[in-house]
């Protein structure tokens, strides 16, 4: 069975340039958790306001 943390790690690994030192360093700093980490749990949740716009604006 596949684990969710492994799936996320592999997805991010595919987006990084693993051959370059910056990509290797970024991948080594990556931490993926199942659930809420113990050090963040006491901070509580933040609820964002809902955006009720009808369309998404994009400029190129």
Protein backbone atom coordinates (compact mmCIF):
# COMPACT_ATOMS: atom_id res chain seq x y z
CA UNK A 1 0.00 0.00 0.00
CA UNK A 2 1.16 3.50 -0.79
CA UNK A 3 1.66 5.98 2.00
CA UNK A 4 0.46 9.56 1.53
CA UNK A 5 3.72 11.06 2.79
CA UNK A 6 5.73 9.03 0.26
CA UNK A 7 3.44 10.09 -2.59
CA UNK A 8 3.86 13.78 -1.72
CA UNK A 9 7.63 13.43 -1.32
CA UNK A 10 7.97 11.79 -4.74
CA UNK A 11 5.78 14.44 -6.37
CA UNK A 12 7.96 17.22 -5.00
CA UNK A 13 11.12 15.30 -5.88
CA UNK A 14 9.93 15.20 -9.50
CA UNK A 15 9.59 18.99 -9.54
CA UNK A 16 13.09 19.70 -8.20
CA UNK A 17 16.34 19.72 -10.19
CA UNK A 18 17.95 16.77 -8.38
CA UNK A 19 21.16 16.95 -10.43
CA UNK A 20 22.01 20.44 -9.18
CA UNK A 21 23.29 21.19 -5.67
CA UNK A 22 20.37 23.53 -4.99
CA UNK A 23 17.86 20.77 -5.79
CA UNK A 24 19.68 18.25 -3.61
CA UNK A 25 19.76 20.73 -0.73
CA UNK A 26 16.07 21.53 -1.10
CA UNK A 27 15.14 17.86 -1.15
CA UNK A 28 17.20 17.18 1.98
CA UNK A 29 15.33 19.98 3.81
CA UNK A 30 11.91 18.61 2.84
CA UNK A 31 9.83 17.22 5.71
CA UNK A 32 6.45 15.60 5.02
CA UNK A 33 4.14 14.69 7.90
CA UNK A 34 0.96 12.66 8.19
CA UNK A 35 -1.32 14.82 10.31
CA UNK A 36 -0.29 17.95 12.21
CA UNK A 37 3.28 18.07 13.58
CA UNK A 38 3.56 18.19 17.39
CA UNK A 39 5.43 21.51 17.41
CA UNK A 40 2.72 23.25 15.34
CA UNK A 41 -0.37 21.73 16.98
CA UNK A 42 -0.56 24.18 19.95
CA UNK A 43 -0.71 27.17 17.59
CA UNK A 44 -4.27 26.37 16.54
CA UNK A 45 -6.01 26.72 13.20
CA UNK A 46 -6.36 29.82 11.05
CA UNK A 47 -9.53 30.21 9.02
CA UNK A 48 -9.26 32.26 5.85
CA UNK A 49 -12.04 34.39 4.44
CA UNK A 50 -13.87 32.96 1.47
CA UNK A 51 -13.47 34.76 -1.83
CA UNK A 52 -16.81 34.93 -3.63
CA UNK A 53 -15.50 36.16 -6.97
CA UNK A 54 -17.08 34.76 -10.13
CA UNK A 55 -13.87 34.52 -12.13
CA UNK A 56 -10.13 34.40 -11.70
CA UNK A 57 -8.15 37.34 -13.02
CA UNK A 58 -4.94 36.53 -14.84
CA UNK A 59 -2.48 38.72 -16.67
CA UNK A 60 0.42 37.53 -18.75
